[in-house]
Amino acid sequence: MSAPAPRRNASPVATVLVLDGDVLVRMPLCQYLRDCGYRVLEAASAEEAITILQKPYIQVDVVLSDTELAGATNGFAFGMQARALRPGLDVVLAGTPKRAVDAAAKLCDEGPALMKPYDHKLVLAHIKRLMAARAQQQPR
């Protein structure tokens, strides 16, 4: 899959926080989103991501999180914490195992929106839809 040509001298459309403990999954996706013009923050754990979200001066528009994270906090619990810290924050959960989908049905309004391994173009399309919906909701 080829990435689009990097946008030169263009301001980022939005800031995306990518939370995935697998560096080999996280890095190419983050680079792809950067090449598409997004500002991207990376976190390897829920704790790292929460630390970022606790800093109000750091802009985050969308969070993309794996559902299965190492450590005490899984992606679903992280999503709930993220929304508690920043109400209205778009949190996109990604996962493949059936048990993750079952857990999502119990904890979230929607199950995982994306499947792993990530199709970078689908991630980009999902983020664009979220940002367009947010723009329509804001008063003019």
N, C-alpha and C. Protein backbone atom coordinates (compact mmCIF):
# COMPACT_ATOMS: atom_id res chain seq x y z
N MET A 1 0.86 -1.16 0.00
CA MET A 1 0.00 0.00 0.00
C MET A 1 0.90 1.22 0.00
N SER A 2 0.62 2.13 -0.90
CA SER A 2 1.47 3.31 -0.99
C SER A 2 0.82 4.47 -0.26
N ALA A 3 1.63 5.20 0.46
CA ALA A 3 1.16 6.35 1.21
C ALA A 3 1.05 7.54 0.27
N PRO A 4 0.12 8.45 0.57
CA PRO A 4 0.04 9.66 -0.25
C PRO A 4 1.29 10.50 -0.08
N ALA A 5 1.52 11.36 -1.02
CA ALA A 5 2.67 12.25 -0.92
C ALA A 5 2.51 13.15 0.29
N PRO A 6 3.58 13.38 1.04
CA PRO A 6 3.50 14.25 2.21
C PRO A 6 3.03 15.65 1.82
N ARG A 7 2.25 16.24 2.70
CA ARG A 7 1.76 17.61 2.49
C ARG A 7 2.80 18.57 3.01
N ARG A 8 3.29 19.41 2.18
CA ARG A 8 4.30 20.39 2.56
C ARG A 8 3.61 21.71 2.92
N ASN A 9 4.09 22.34 4.00
CA ASN A 9 3.60 23.66 4.42
C ASN A 9 2.09 23.70 4.63
N ALA A 10 1.51 22.59 5.01
CA ALA A 10 0.08 22.56 5.29
C ALA A 10 -0.11 22.38 6.78
N SER A 11 -1.05 23.10 7.35
CA SER A 11 -1.30 22.94 8.77
C SER A 11 -2.06 21.64 9.00
N PRO A 12 -1.83 20.97 10.11
CA PRO A 12 -2.51 19.71 10.37
C PRO A 12 -4.02 19.91 10.44
N VAL A 13 -4.74 18.93 9.95
CA VAL A 13 -6.19 18.95 10.00
C VAL A 13 -6.65 18.73 11.44
N ALA A 14 -6.02 17.80 12.11
CA ALA A 14 -6.39 17.46 13.48
C ALA A 14 -5.22 16.74 14.13
N THR A 15 -5.32 16.59 15.45
CA THR A 15 -4.30 15.85 16.18
C THR A 15 -4.88 14.50 16.57
N VAL A 16 -4.17 13.45 16.21
CA VAL A 16 -4.59 12.08 16.49
C VAL A 16 -3.61 11.46 17.48
N LEU A 17 -4.14 10.90 18.55
CA LEU A 17 -3.33 10.15 19.51
C LEU A 17 -3.51 8.67 19.19
N VAL A 18 -2.43 8.01 18.83
CA VAL A 18 -2.47 6.58 18.50
C VAL A 18 -1.91 5.80 19.69
N LEU A 19 -2.73 4.92 20.24
CA LEU A 19 -2.36 4.11 21.39
C LEU A 19 -2.30 2.65 20.95
N ASP A 20 -1.10 2.12 20.88
CA ASP A 20 -0.91 0.71 20.53
C ASP A 20 0.43 0.28 21.10
N GLY A 21 0.45 -0.80 21.84
CA GLY A 21 1.67 -1.28 22.46
C GLY A 21 2.65 -1.92 21.50
N ASP A 22 2.18 -2.26 20.32
CA ASP A 22 3.05 -2.90 19.33
C ASP A 22 3.68 -1.84 18.44
N VAL A 23 4.95 -1.57 18.66
CA VAL A 23 5.64 -0.50 17.94
C VAL A 23 5.65 -0.77 16.44
N LEU A 24 5.68 -2.03 16.03
CA LEU A 24 5.69 -2.36 14.60
C LEU A 24 4.35 -2.12 13.93
N VAL A 25 3.30 -2.02 14.71
CA VAL A 25 1.97 -1.65 14.20
C VAL A 25 1.80 -0.14 14.28
N ARG A 26 2.19 0.42 15.41
CA ARG A 26 1.97 1.85 15.68
C ARG A 26 2.76 2.76 14.76
N MET A 27 4.05 2.48 14.57
CA MET A 27 4.90 3.41 13.82
C MET A 27 4.48 3.60 12.36
N PRO A 28 4.21 2.54 11.60
CA PRO A 28 3.81 2.78 10.20
C PRO A 28 2.48 3.51 10.09
N LEU A 29 1.55 3.19 10.99
CA LEU A 29 0.26 3.88 10.96
C LEU A 29 0.45 5.36 11.27
N CYS A 30 1.25 5.66 12.29
CA CYS A 30 1.50 7.06 12.65
C CYS A 30 2.17 7.81 11.51
N GLN A 31 3.13 7.18 10.86
CA GLN A 31 3.80 7.84 9.74
C GLN A 31 2.82 8.09 8.60
N TYR A 32 1.97 7.13 8.33
CA TYR A 32 0.96 7.30 7.28
C TYR A 32 0.06 8.50 7.58
N LEU A 33 -0.41 8.59 8.83
CA LEU A 33 -1.28 9.72 9.20
C LEU A 33 -0.53 11.04 9.11
N ARG A 34 0.74 11.04 9.49
CA ARG A 34 1.55 12.27 9.35
C ARG A 34 1.68 12.65 7.88
N ASP A 35 1.93 11.67 7.04
CA ASP A 35 2.04 11.93 5.60
C ASP A 35 0.74 12.49 5.03
N CYS A 36 -0.37 12.18 5.68
CA CYS A 36 -1.67 12.70 5.25
C CYS A 36 -1.97 14.07 5.84
N GLY A 37 -1.05 14.62 6.63
CA GLY A 37 -1.21 15.97 7.14
C GLY A 37 -1.68 16.09 8.57
N TYR A 38 -1.85 14.98 9.28
CA TYR A 38 -2.28 15.03 10.67
C TYR A 38 -1.08 15.19 11.59
N ARG A 39 -1.32 15.83 12.71
CA ARG A 39 -0.35 15.85 13.80
C ARG A 39 -0.63 14.59 14.59
N VAL A 40 0.38 13.80 14.86
CA VAL A 40 0.18 12.50 15.50
C VAL A 40 1.01 12.41 16.78
N LEU A 41 0.34 12.00 17.84
CA LEU A 41 1.00 11.70 19.11
C LEU A 41 0.94 10.20 19.29
N GLU A 42 1.98 9.62 19.88
CA GLU A 42 2.03 8.17 20.06
C GLU A 42 2.09 7.82 21.54
N ALA A 43 1.41 6.73 21.89
CA ALA A 43 1.49 6.20 23.24
C ALA A 43 1.57 4.68 23.14
N ALA A 44 2.44 4.09 23.95
CA ALA A 44 2.61 2.65 23.96
C ALA A 44 1.76 1.97 25.04
N SER A 45 1.19 2.77 25.94
CA SER A 45 0.37 2.21 27.02
C SER A 45 -0.76 3.18 27.35
N ALA A 46 -1.76 2.63 28.02
CA ALA A 46 -2.87 3.48 28.46
C ALA A 46 -2.37 4.55 29.42
N GLU A 47 -1.42 4.20 30.25
CA GLU A 47 -0.88 5.17 31.21
C GLU A 47 -0.23 6.35 30.49
N GLU A 48 0.54 6.06 29.43
CA GLU A 48 1.15 7.15 28.65
C GLU A 48 0.08 8.03 28.01
N ALA A 49 -0.93 7.40 27.45
CA ALA A 49 -1.99 8.16 26.79
C ALA A 49 -2.76 9.02 27.79
N ILE A 50 -3.04 8.49 28.96
CA ILE A 50 -3.75 9.26 30.00
C ILE A 50 -2.91 10.46 30.41
N THR A 51 -1.60 10.27 30.54
CA THR A 51 -0.72 11.39 30.89
C THR A 51 -0.82 12.50 29.86
N ILE A 52 -0.86 12.13 28.59
CA ILE A 52 -1.01 13.13 27.53
C ILE A 52 -2.35 13.84 27.66
N LEU A 53 -3.42 13.08 27.86
CA LEU A 53 -4.76 13.67 27.93
C LEU A 53 -4.97 14.52 29.18
N GLN A 54 -4.19 14.30 30.21
CA GLN A 54 -4.30 15.10 31.43
C GLN A 54 -3.71 16.49 31.27
N LYS A 55 -2.99 16.71 30.19
CA LYS A 55 -2.38 18.02 29.95
C LYS A 55 -3.29 18.82 29.02
N PRO A 56 -4.04 19.76 29.57
CA PRO A 56 -5.04 20.47 28.77
C PRO A 56 -4.45 21.30 27.62
N TYR A 57 -3.19 21.63 27.70
CA TYR A 57 -2.57 22.43 26.65
C TYR A 57 -2.16 21.59 25.44
N ILE A 58 -2.29 20.25 25.54
CA ILE A 58 -1.99 19.39 24.40
C ILE A 58 -3.29 19.10 23.67
N GLN A 59 -3.36 19.52 22.42
CA GLN A 59 -4.56 19.30 21.60
C GLN A 59 -4.62 17.84 21.19
N VAL A 60 -5.79 17.22 21.38
CA VAL A 60 -6.06 15.87 20.88
C VAL A 60 -7.49 15.90 20.37
N ASP A 61 -7.67 15.57 19.10
CA ASP A 61 -9.00 15.57 18.50
C ASP A 61 -9.60 14.17 18.40
N VAL A 62 -8.75 13.20 18.15
CA VAL A 62 -9.19 11.81 17.97
C VAL A 62 -8.17 10.90 18.63
N VAL A 63 -8.66 9.85 19.30
CA VAL A 63 -7.79 8.81 19.84
C VAL A 63 -8.11 7.52 19.11
N LEU A 64 -7.07 6.85 18.63
CA LEU A 64 -7.20 5.51 18.06
C LEU A 64 -6.49 4.57 19.01
N SER A 65 -7.24 3.63 19.59
CA SER A 65 -6.67 2.73 20.60
C SER A 65 -6.93 1.28 20.25
N ASP A 66 -5.92 0.47 20.47
CA ASP A 66 -6.07 -0.98 20.42
C ASP A 66 -6.97 -1.38 21.58
N THR A 67 -7.79 -2.41 21.40
CA THR A 67 -8.65 -2.86 22.50
C THR A 67 -7.89 -3.67 23.52
N GLU A 68 -6.85 -4.37 23.07
CA GLU A 68 -6.09 -5.22 23.98
C GLU A 68 -4.73 -4.60 24.25
N LEU A 69 -4.62 -3.98 25.39
CA LEU A 69 -3.38 -3.32 25.79
C LEU A 69 -2.73 -4.09 26.92
N ALA A 70 -1.41 -4.08 26.94
CA ALA A 70 -0.70 -4.69 28.07
C ALA A 70 -0.88 -3.79 29.28
N GLY A 71 -0.83 -4.37 30.44
CA GLY A 71 -0.96 -3.59 31.66
C GLY A 71 -2.33 -3.72 32.27
N ALA A 72 -2.57 -2.90 33.26
CA ALA A 72 -3.79 -2.99 34.05
C ALA A 72 -5.02 -2.46 33.32
N THR A 73 -4.84 -1.59 32.34
CA THR A 73 -5.96 -0.94 31.67
C THR A 73 -6.08 -1.43 30.24
N ASN A 74 -7.24 -1.99 29.88
CA ASN A 74 -7.45 -2.38 28.49
C ASN A 74 -8.00 -1.19 27.70
N GLY A 75 -8.17 -1.37 26.41
CA GLY A 75 -8.61 -0.29 25.54
C GLY A 75 -9.98 0.26 25.88
N PHE A 76 -10.87 -0.62 26.35
CA PHE A 76 -12.22 -0.17 26.68
C PHE A 76 -12.20 0.72 27.92
N ALA A 77 -11.50 0.28 28.95
CA ALA A 77 -11.38 1.10 30.17
C ALA A 77 -10.66 2.40 29.86
N PHE A 78 -9.64 2.33 29.02
CA PHE A 78 -8.94 3.55 28.62
C PHE A 78 -9.91 4.51 27.93
N GLY A 79 -10.72 4.00 27.01
CA GLY A 79 -11.67 4.85 26.30
C GLY A 79 -12.61 5.57 27.26
N MET A 80 -13.06 4.87 28.28
CA MET A 80 -13.95 5.51 29.27
C MET A 80 -13.19 6.58 30.06
N GLN A 81 -11.94 6.30 30.43
CA GLN A 81 -11.13 7.30 31.15
C GLN A 81 -10.85 8.51 30.26
N ALA A 82 -10.56 8.25 29.00
CA ALA A 82 -10.26 9.35 28.07
C ALA A 82 -11.46 10.27 27.93
N ARG A 83 -12.64 9.71 27.81
CA ARG A 83 -13.85 10.53 27.67
C ARG A 83 -14.19 11.25 28.97
N ALA A 84 -13.83 10.65 30.10
CA ALA A 84 -14.06 11.33 31.38
C ALA A 84 -13.14 12.54 31.49
N LEU A 85 -11.90 12.39 31.02
CA LEU A 85 -10.95 13.51 31.05
C LEU A 85 -11.30 14.59 30.04
N ARG A 86 -11.77 14.16 28.87
CA ARG A 86 -12.08 15.09 27.78
C ARG A 86 -13.43 14.73 27.17
N PRO A 87 -14.50 15.22 27.79
CA PRO A 87 -15.82 14.92 27.25
C PRO A 87 -15.93 15.33 25.78
N GLY A 88 -16.56 14.47 25.00
CA GLY A 88 -16.73 14.76 23.59
C GLY A 88 -15.58 14.29 22.72
N LEU A 89 -14.51 13.80 23.34
CA LEU A 89 -13.37 13.30 22.58
C LEU A 89 -13.78 12.08 21.77
N ASP A 90 -13.41 12.06 20.50
CA ASP A 90 -13.68 10.89 19.67
C ASP A 90 -12.65 9.82 19.98
N VAL A 91 -13.12 8.64 20.38
CA VAL A 91 -12.24 7.51 20.68
C VAL A 91 -12.62 6.38 19.73
N VAL A 92 -11.66 5.94 18.93
CA VAL A 92 -11.87 4.86 17.98
C VAL A 92 -11.13 3.64 18.53
N LEU A 93 -11.88 2.54 18.73
CA LEU A 93 -11.29 1.31 19.22
C LEU A 93 -11.06 0.35 18.06
N ALA A 94 -9.94 -0.35 18.09
CA ALA A 94 -9.62 -1.30 17.04
C ALA A 94 -9.24 -2.63 17.67
N GLY A 95 -9.79 -3.70 17.12
CA GLY A 95 -9.45 -5.01 17.64
C GLY A 95 -9.97 -6.12 16.75
N THR A 96 -9.45 -7.32 16.95
CA THR A 96 -9.90 -8.45 16.16
C THR A 96 -10.52 -9.57 16.97
N PRO A 97 -10.08 -9.85 18.17
CA PRO A 97 -10.60 -11.03 18.86
C PRO A 97 -12.07 -10.90 19.21
N LYS A 98 -12.78 -12.02 19.11
CA LYS A 98 -14.21 -12.03 19.42
C LYS A 98 -14.47 -11.56 20.84
N ARG A 99 -13.60 -11.92 21.77
CA ARG A 99 -13.85 -11.49 23.15
C ARG A 99 -13.75 -9.98 23.30
N ALA A 100 -12.94 -9.33 22.47
CA ALA A 100 -12.86 -7.87 22.51
C ALA A 100 -14.18 -7.27 22.03
N VAL A 101 -14.75 -7.86 21.00
CA VAL A 101 -16.03 -7.38 20.49
C VAL A 101 -17.12 -7.58 21.55
N ASP A 102 -17.11 -8.74 22.19
CA ASP A 102 -18.10 -9.01 23.23
C ASP A 102 -17.95 -8.03 24.39
N ALA A 103 -16.72 -7.73 24.80
CA ALA A 103 -16.49 -6.78 25.89
C ALA A 103 -16.94 -5.38 25.48
N ALA A 104 -16.71 -5.02 24.24
CA ALA A 104 -17.12 -3.70 23.76
C ALA A 104 -18.63 -3.54 23.82
N ALA A 105 -19.34 -4.59 23.49
CA ALA A 105 -20.80 -4.52 23.51
C ALA A 105 -21.31 -4.22 24.92
N LYS A 106 -20.58 -4.68 25.93
CA LYS A 106 -20.98 -4.44 27.32
C LYS A 106 -20.55 -3.07 27.82
N LEU A 107 -19.42 -2.55 27.33
CA LEU A 107 -18.84 -1.34 27.90
C LEU A 107 -19.04 -0.08 27.08
N CYS A 108 -19.28 -0.21 25.79
CA CYS A 108 -19.30 0.96 24.92
C CYS A 108 -20.60 1.03 24.14
N ASP A 109 -20.89 2.23 23.63
CA ASP A 109 -22.05 2.41 22.77
C ASP A 109 -21.91 1.60 21.50
N GLU A 110 -20.70 1.51 20.99
CA GLU A 110 -20.41 0.77 19.77
C GLU A 110 -19.23 -0.15 20.03
N GLY A 111 -19.17 -1.24 19.28
CA GLY A 111 -18.02 -2.13 19.36
C GLY A 111 -16.84 -1.50 18.65
N PRO A 112 -15.76 -2.26 18.52
CA PRO A 112 -14.60 -1.72 17.79
C PRO A 112 -15.00 -1.28 16.39
N ALA A 113 -14.54 -0.13 16.00
CA ALA A 113 -14.89 0.44 14.70
C ALA A 113 -13.95 0.00 13.61
N LEU A 114 -12.77 -0.45 13.97
CA LEU A 114 -11.76 -0.85 12.99
C LEU A 114 -11.19 -2.20 13.37
N MET A 115 -10.70 -2.89 12.37
CA MET A 115 -10.10 -4.20 12.61
C MET A 115 -8.59 -4.12 12.44
N LYS A 116 -7.88 -4.95 13.18
CA LYS A 116 -6.44 -5.05 13.03
C LYS A 116 -6.15 -6.31 12.24
N PRO A 117 -5.13 -6.37 11.44
CA PRO A 117 -4.16 -5.31 11.23
C PRO A 117 -4.82 -4.12 10.53
N TYR A 118 -4.33 -2.93 10.83
CA TYR A 118 -4.92 -1.72 10.31
C TYR A 118 -4.80 -1.62 8.80
N ASP A 119 -5.89 -1.23 8.17
CA ASP A 119 -5.83 -0.78 6.78
C ASP A 119 -5.71 0.73 6.90
N HIS A 120 -4.56 1.28 6.61
CA HIS A 120 -4.28 2.70 6.85
C HIS A 120 -5.31 3.59 6.18
N LYS A 121 -5.77 3.23 5.00
CA LYS A 121 -6.75 4.06 4.31
C LYS A 121 -8.10 4.06 5.03
N LEU A 122 -8.48 2.92 5.62
CA LEU A 122 -9.73 2.87 6.39
C LEU A 122 -9.62 3.71 7.66
N VAL A 123 -8.45 3.69 8.30
CA VAL A 123 -8.23 4.52 9.49
C VAL A 123 -8.38 5.99 9.11
N LEU A 124 -7.73 6.38 8.02
CA LEU A 124 -7.81 7.76 7.56
C LEU A 124 -9.25 8.15 7.24
N ALA A 125 -9.98 7.30 6.55
CA ALA A 125 -11.37 7.61 6.20
C ALA A 125 -12.22 7.75 7.46
N HIS A 126 -11.98 6.91 8.46
CA HIS A 126 -12.75 6.98 9.70
C HIS A 126 -12.47 8.29 10.44
N ILE A 127 -11.21 8.68 10.51
CA ILE A 127 -10.86 9.94 11.17
C ILE A 127 -11.47 11.12 10.43
N LYS A 128 -11.45 11.10 9.11
CA LYS A 128 -12.05 12.19 8.33
C LYS A 128 -13.55 12.28 8.60
N ARG A 129 -14.24 11.13 8.69
CA ARG A 129 -15.68 11.15 9.00
C ARG A 129 -15.94 11.76 10.37
N LEU A 130 -15.12 11.38 11.37
CA LEU A 130 -15.29 11.93 12.71
C LEU A 130 -15.10 13.44 12.72
N MET A 131 -14.07 13.91 12.02
CA MET A 131 -13.79 15.34 12.00
C MET A 131 -14.88 16.11 11.25
N ALA A 132 -15.41 15.53 10.19
CA ALA A 132 -16.50 16.18 9.44
C ALA A 132 -17.76 16.27 10.30
N ALA A 133 -18.07 15.21 11.03
CA ALA A 133 -19.23 15.22 11.91
C ALA A 133 -19.06 16.25 13.01
N ARG A 134 -17.84 16.36 13.55
CA ARG A 134 -17.59 17.36 14.59
C ARG A 134 -17.76 18.77 14.04
N ALA A 135 -17.27 19.01 12.84
CA ALA A 135 -17.38 20.33 12.22
C ALA A 135 -18.84 20.72 12.00
N GLN A 136 -19.68 19.76 11.67
CA GLN A 136 -21.11 20.03 11.46
C GLN A 136 -21.82 20.36 12.76
N GLN A 137 -21.32 19.83 13.87
CA GLN A 137 -21.96 20.06 15.18
C GLN A 137 -21.58 21.39 15.79
N GLN A 138 -20.45 21.97 15.37
CA GLN A 138 -19.99 23.22 15.97
C GLN A 138 -20.80 24.39 15.41
N PRO A 139 -21.14 25.34 16.29
CA PRO A 139 -21.87 26.53 15.82
C PRO A 139 -21.01 27.35 14.87
N ARG A 140 -21.62 27.95 13.93
CA ARG A 140 -20.89 28.73 12.94
C ARG A 140 -20.72 30.15 13.38
